[in-house]
Amino acid sequence: MNAILVIAHAPLASAMGQCIAHVFNDPPRCFAVLDVQPNVPPEETLEQARTILNQLGCPTCLVMTDIFGATPCNVAQKLVDGVSSKLITGMNLPMLLRALSYREDTLDALVARSLAGASQGVMQVAITAPQNQNRRTYDQEQRDHQQ
């Protein structure tokens, strides 16, 4: 089983963990989150991440971060360097749910499924602007400019 570690700006990582607790009845094994606090040196955050990764005790790990180039991602890049782990950035909730659902897959397959979950979870659902609705025949005045 692959471990999954979320490293994100506070309080996003904890919020993602709360969403997962809401969706899954039992807390997922080999899953952890780390909020990157403001004004905490990256080296200290890296040590916290290494401690969490060791506590998870899984041979491989998928690490997810919120924004490429930001402190959580930079810390995660150092964390996964030289270990059996992969890093994905730009995390969203559909990606995380997909990852937790398929964490028994190989690490490469897990990455592919997670990325698919991220992109498939973003879609336009409905267009409800007045100019896109059918006009009622009894409307005498055109007020498309008003909302």
C-alpha atoms as a PDB file:
ATOM      1  CA  MET A   1       0.000   0.000   0.000  1.00  0.00           C
ATOM      2  CA  ASN A   2       1.166   3.515  -0.845  1.00  0.00           C
ATOM      3  CA  ALA A   3       1.197   6.175   1.817  1.00  0.00           C
ATOM      4  CA  ILE A   4      -0.347   9.531   0.959  1.00  0.00           C
ATOM      5  CA  LEU A   5       0.983  12.715   2.524  1.00  0.00           C
ATOM      6  CA  VAL A   6      -0.592  16.132   1.951  1.00  0.00           C
ATOM      7  CA  ILE A   7       1.684  19.122   2.532  1.00  0.00           C
ATOM      8  CA  ALA A   8      -0.025  22.473   2.054  1.00  0.00           C
ATOM      9  CA  HIS A   9      -0.327  25.996   3.363  1.00  0.00           C
ATOM     10  CA  ALA A  10      -2.154  26.140   6.693  1.00  0.00           C
ATOM     11  CA  PRO A  11      -5.031  25.408   7.118  1.00  0.00           C
ATOM     12  CA  LEU A  12      -5.547  23.719   3.723  1.00  0.00           C
ATOM     13  CA  ALA A  13      -3.845  20.421   4.589  1.00  0.00           C
ATOM     14  CA  SER A  14      -5.920  20.016   7.754  1.00  0.00           C
ATOM     15  CA  ALA A  15      -9.072  20.986   5.863  1.00  0.00           C
ATOM     16  CA  MET A  16      -8.350  18.293   3.276  1.00  0.00           C
ATOM     17  CA  GLY A  17      -7.865  15.818   6.110  1.00  0.00           C
ATOM     18  CA  GLN A  18     -11.234  16.831   7.555  1.00  0.00           C
ATOM     19  CA  CYS A  19     -12.884  16.333   4.169  1.00  0.00           C
ATOM     20  CA  ILE A  20     -11.400  12.852   3.963  1.00  0.00           C
ATOM     21  CA  ALA A  21     -12.652  12.068   7.481  1.00  0.00           C
ATOM     22  CA  HIS A  22     -16.098  13.223   6.362  1.00  0.00           C
ATOM     23  CA  VAL A  23     -16.126  10.996   3.253  1.00  0.00           C
ATOM     24  CA  PHE A  24     -14.566   7.830   4.678  1.00  0.00           C
ATOM     25  CA  ASN A  25     -16.132   6.104   7.685  1.00  0.00           C
ATOM     26  CA  ASP A  26     -12.809   4.860   9.026  1.00  0.00           C
ATOM     27  CA  PRO A  27      -9.652   6.964   8.994  1.00  0.00           C
ATOM     28  CA  PRO A  28      -7.548   5.833   6.031  1.00  0.00           C
ATOM     29  CA  ARG A  29      -4.369   3.982   6.891  1.00  0.00           C
ATOM     30  CA  CYS A  30      -1.085   5.453   5.692  1.00  0.00           C
ATOM     31  CA  PHE A  31      -2.571   8.931   5.255  1.00  0.00           C
ATOM     32  CA  ALA A  32      -1.331  12.125   6.877  1.00  0.00           C
ATOM     33  CA  VAL A  33      -1.423  15.868   6.433  1.00  0.00           C
ATOM     34  CA  LEU A  34       1.045  18.611   7.284  1.00  0.00           C
ATOM     35  CA  ASP A  35       0.064  22.262   7.467  1.00  0.00           C
ATOM     36  CA  VAL A  36       2.925  24.574   6.565  1.00  0.00           C
ATOM     37  CA  GLN A  37       2.696  27.416   9.039  1.00  0.00           C
ATOM     38  CA  PRO A  38       3.752  30.967   8.223  1.00  0.00           C
ATOM     39  CA  ASN A  39       7.044  32.114   9.723  1.00  0.00           C
ATOM     40  CA  VAL A  40       8.286  28.532  10.256  1.00  0.00           C
ATOM     41  CA  PRO A  41      11.618  27.890   8.531  1.00  0.00           C
ATOM     42  CA  PRO A  42      11.417  25.419   5.629  1.00  0.00           C
ATOM     43  CA  GLU A  43      14.098  23.259   7.280  1.00  0.00           C
ATOM     44  CA  GLU A  44      11.857  22.771  10.312  1.00  0.00           C
ATOM     45  CA  THR A  45       8.899  21.891   8.097  1.00  0.00           C
ATOM     46  CA  LEU A  46      11.085  19.401   6.221  1.00  0.00           C
ATOM     47  CA  GLU A  47      12.018  17.694   9.498  1.00  0.00           C
ATOM     48  CA  GLN A  48       8.338  17.469  10.440  1.00  0.00           C
ATOM     49  CA  ALA A  49       7.569  15.959   7.033  1.00  0.00           C
ATOM     50  CA  ARG A  50      10.362  13.387   7.390  1.00  0.00           C
ATOM     51  CA  THR A  51       9.066  12.395  10.812  1.00  0.00           C
ATOM     52  CA  ILE A  52       5.539  11.948   9.447  1.00  0.00           C
ATOM     53  CA  LEU A  53       6.803   9.965   6.454  1.00  0.00           C
ATOM     54  CA  ASN A  54       8.715   7.607   8.781  1.00  0.00           C
ATOM     55  CA  GLN A  55       5.670   7.200  11.035  1.00  0.00           C
ATOM     56  CA  LEU A  56       3.495   6.211   8.075  1.00  0.00           C
ATOM     57  CA  GLY A  57       5.733   3.182   7.628  1.00  0.00           C
ATOM     58  CA  CYS A  58       4.804   2.425   4.016  1.00  0.00           C
ATOM     59  CA  PRO A  59       7.469   1.522   1.449  1.00  0.00           C
ATOM     60  CA  THR A  60       6.247   4.116  -1.077  1.00  0.00           C
ATOM     61  CA  CYS A  61       4.509   7.455  -0.746  1.00  0.00           C
ATOM     62  CA  LEU A  62       2.572   9.863  -2.903  1.00  0.00           C
ATOM     63  CA  VAL A  63       3.083  13.420  -1.682  1.00  0.00           C
ATOM     64  CA  MET A  64       0.599  16.113  -2.729  1.00  0.00           C
ATOM     65  CA  THR A  65       1.056  19.860  -2.400  1.00  0.00           C
ATOM     66  CA  ASP A  66      -1.083  22.861  -3.197  1.00  0.00           C
ATOM     67  CA  ILE A  67       1.021  25.246  -5.333  1.00  0.00           C
ATOM     68  CA  PHE A  68       4.098  24.599  -7.442  1.00  0.00           C
ATOM     69  CA  GLY A  69       7.063  26.716  -6.379  1.00  0.00           C
ATOM     70  CA  ALA A  70       5.682  27.610  -2.956  1.00  0.00           C
ATOM     71  CA  THR A  71       7.198  26.488   0.344  1.00  0.00           C
ATOM     72  CA  PRO A  72       5.088  23.300   0.694  1.00  0.00           C
ATOM     73  CA  CYS A  73       6.153  22.147  -2.767  1.00  0.00           C
ATOM     74  CA  ASN A  74       9.797  23.066  -2.172  1.00  0.00           C
ATOM     75  CA  VAL A  75       9.788  21.118   1.098  1.00  0.00           C
ATOM     76  CA  ALA A  76       8.108  18.155  -0.606  1.00  0.00           C
ATOM     77  CA  GLN A  77      10.690  18.150  -3.407  1.00  0.00           C
ATOM     78  CA  LYS A  78      13.448  17.744  -0.843  1.00  0.00           C
ATOM     79  CA  LEU A  79      11.405  15.118   1.000  1.00  0.00           C
ATOM     80  CA  VAL A  80      10.914  12.824  -1.997  1.00  0.00           C
ATOM     81  CA  ASP A  81      14.458  13.191  -3.302  1.00  0.00           C
ATOM     82  CA  GLY A  82      16.147   9.801  -3.078  1.00  0.00           C
ATOM     83  CA  VAL A  83      13.180   7.878  -1.646  1.00  0.00           C
ATOM     84  CA  SER A  84      10.503   5.732  -3.275  1.00  0.00           C
ATOM     85  CA  SER A  85       8.018   8.564  -3.565  1.00  0.00           C
ATOM     86  CA  LYS A  86       6.317  10.735  -6.149  1.00  0.00           C
ATOM     87  CA  LEU A  87       5.204  14.343  -5.890  1.00  0.00           C
ATOM     88  CA  ILE A  88       2.113  15.946  -7.405  1.00  0.00           C
ATOM     89  CA  THR A  89       1.337  19.640  -7.041  1.00  0.00           C
ATOM     90  CA  GLY A  90      -1.857  21.555  -7.713  1.00  0.00           C
ATOM     91  CA  MET A  91      -3.813  19.230  -5.436  1.00  0.00           C
ATOM     92  CA  ASN A  92      -7.581  19.340  -5.278  1.00  0.00           C
ATOM     93  CA  LEU A  93     -10.142  17.250  -3.405  1.00  0.00           C
ATOM     94  CA  PRO A  94     -11.144  15.003  -6.359  1.00  0.00           C
ATOM     95  CA  MET A  95      -7.453  14.163  -6.833  1.00  0.00           C
ATOM     96  CA  LEU A  96      -7.053  13.264  -3.175  1.00  0.00           C
ATOM     97  CA  LEU A  97     -10.212  11.134  -3.099  1.00  0.00           C
ATOM     98  CA  ARG A  98      -9.045   9.260  -6.189  1.00  0.00           C
ATOM     99  CA  ALA A  99      -5.616   8.694  -4.665  1.00  0.00           C
ATOM    100  CA  LEU A 100      -7.058   7.279  -1.456  1.00  0.00           C
ATOM    101  CA  SER A 101      -9.406   5.031  -3.411  1.00  0.00           C
ATOM    102  CA  TYR A 102      -6.594   3.526  -5.506  1.00  0.00           C
ATOM    103  CA  ARG A 103      -3.619   3.535  -3.139  1.00  0.00           C
ATOM    104  CA  GLU A 104      -3.227  -0.248  -3.556  1.00  0.00           C
ATOM    105  CA  ASP A 105      -2.096   0.327  -7.175  1.00  0.00           C
ATOM    106  CA  THR A 106       1.545   0.737  -8.110  1.00  0.00           C
ATOM    107  CA  LEU A 107       2.933   4.177  -7.384  1.00  0.00           C
ATOM    108  CA  ASP A 108       3.049   5.099 -11.093  1.00  0.00           C
ATOM    109  CA  ALA A 109      -0.552   3.957 -11.618  1.00  0.00           C
ATOM    110  CA  LEU A 110      -1.584   5.881  -8.500  1.00  0.00           C
ATOM    111  CA  VAL A 111      -0.038   9.058  -9.892  1.00  0.00           C
ATOM    112  CA  ALA A 112      -1.852   8.581 -13.212  1.00  0.00           C
ATOM    113  CA  ARG A 113      -5.208   7.929 -11.506  1.00  0.00           C
ATOM    114  CA  SER A 114      -4.726  10.928  -9.206  1.00  0.00           C
ATOM    115  CA  LEU A 115      -3.978  13.264 -12.098  1.00  0.00           C
ATOM    116  CA  ALA A 116      -7.013  11.961 -13.965  1.00  0.00           C
ATOM    117  CA  GLY A 117      -9.158  12.542 -10.882  1.00  0.00           C
ATOM    118  CA  ALA A 118      -7.884  16.100 -10.629  1.00  0.00           C
ATOM    119  CA  SER A 119      -8.699  17.020 -14.216  1.00  0.00           C
ATOM    120  CA  GLN A 120     -11.982  15.092 -14.360  1.00  0.00           C
ATOM    121  CA  GLY A 121     -13.130  16.783 -11.174  1.00  0.00           C
ATOM    122  CA  VAL A 122     -13.010  20.221 -12.809  1.00  0.00           C
ATOM    123  CA  MET A 123     -15.935  20.924 -15.123  1.00  0.00           C
ATOM    124  CA  GLN A 124     -18.531  23.488 -15.998  1.00  0.00           C
ATOM    125  CA  VAL A 125     -21.851  22.286 -14.646  1.00  0.00           C
ATOM    126  CA  ALA A 126     -24.500  24.771 -15.750  1.00  0.00           C
ATOM    127  CA  ILE A 127     -24.925  28.082 -17.466  1.00  0.00           C
ATOM    128  CA  THR A 128     -27.777  29.962 -15.865  1.00  0.00           C
ATOM    129  CA  ALA A 129     -27.219  33.501 -17.111  1.00  0.00           C
ATOM    130  CA  PRO A 130     -30.459  35.079 -18.395  1.00  0.00           C
ATOM    131  CA  GLN A 131     -29.078  35.567 -21.899  1.00  0.00           C
ATOM    132  CA  ASN A 132     -28.634  31.793 -22.182  1.00  0.00           C
ATOM    133  CA  GLN A 133     -32.155  30.876 -21.117  1.00  0.00           C
ATOM    134  CA  ASN A 134     -35.100  30.482 -23.432  1.00  0.00           C
ATOM    135  CA  ARG A 135     -37.216  33.607 -23.638  1.00  0.00           C
ATOM    136  CA  ARG A 136     -40.775  33.281 -22.447  1.00  0.00           C
ATOM    137  CA  THR A 137     -43.230  34.237 -25.115  1.00  0.00           C
ATOM    138  CA  TYR A 138     -45.091  36.602 -22.804  1.00  0.00           C
ATOM    139  CA  ASP A 139     -41.958  38.718 -22.155  1.00  0.00           C
ATOM    140  CA  GLN A 140     -42.584  41.965 -24.020  1.00  0.00           C
ATOM    141  CA  GLU A 141     -39.386  43.750 -23.005  1.00  0.00           C
ATOM    142  CA  GLN A 142     -35.890  42.507 -23.503  1.00  0.00           C
ATOM    143  CA  ARG A 143     -33.982  42.864 -20.246  1.00  0.00           C
ATOM    144  CA  ASP A 144     -31.034  40.580 -20.878  1.00  0.00           C
ATOM    145  CA  HIS A 145     -28.701  43.280 -19.606  1.00  0.00           C
ATOM    146  CA  GLN A 146     -30.344  43.137 -16.163  1.00  0.00           C
ATOM    147  CA  GLN A 147     -29.723  40.298 -13.769  1.00  0.00           C
END
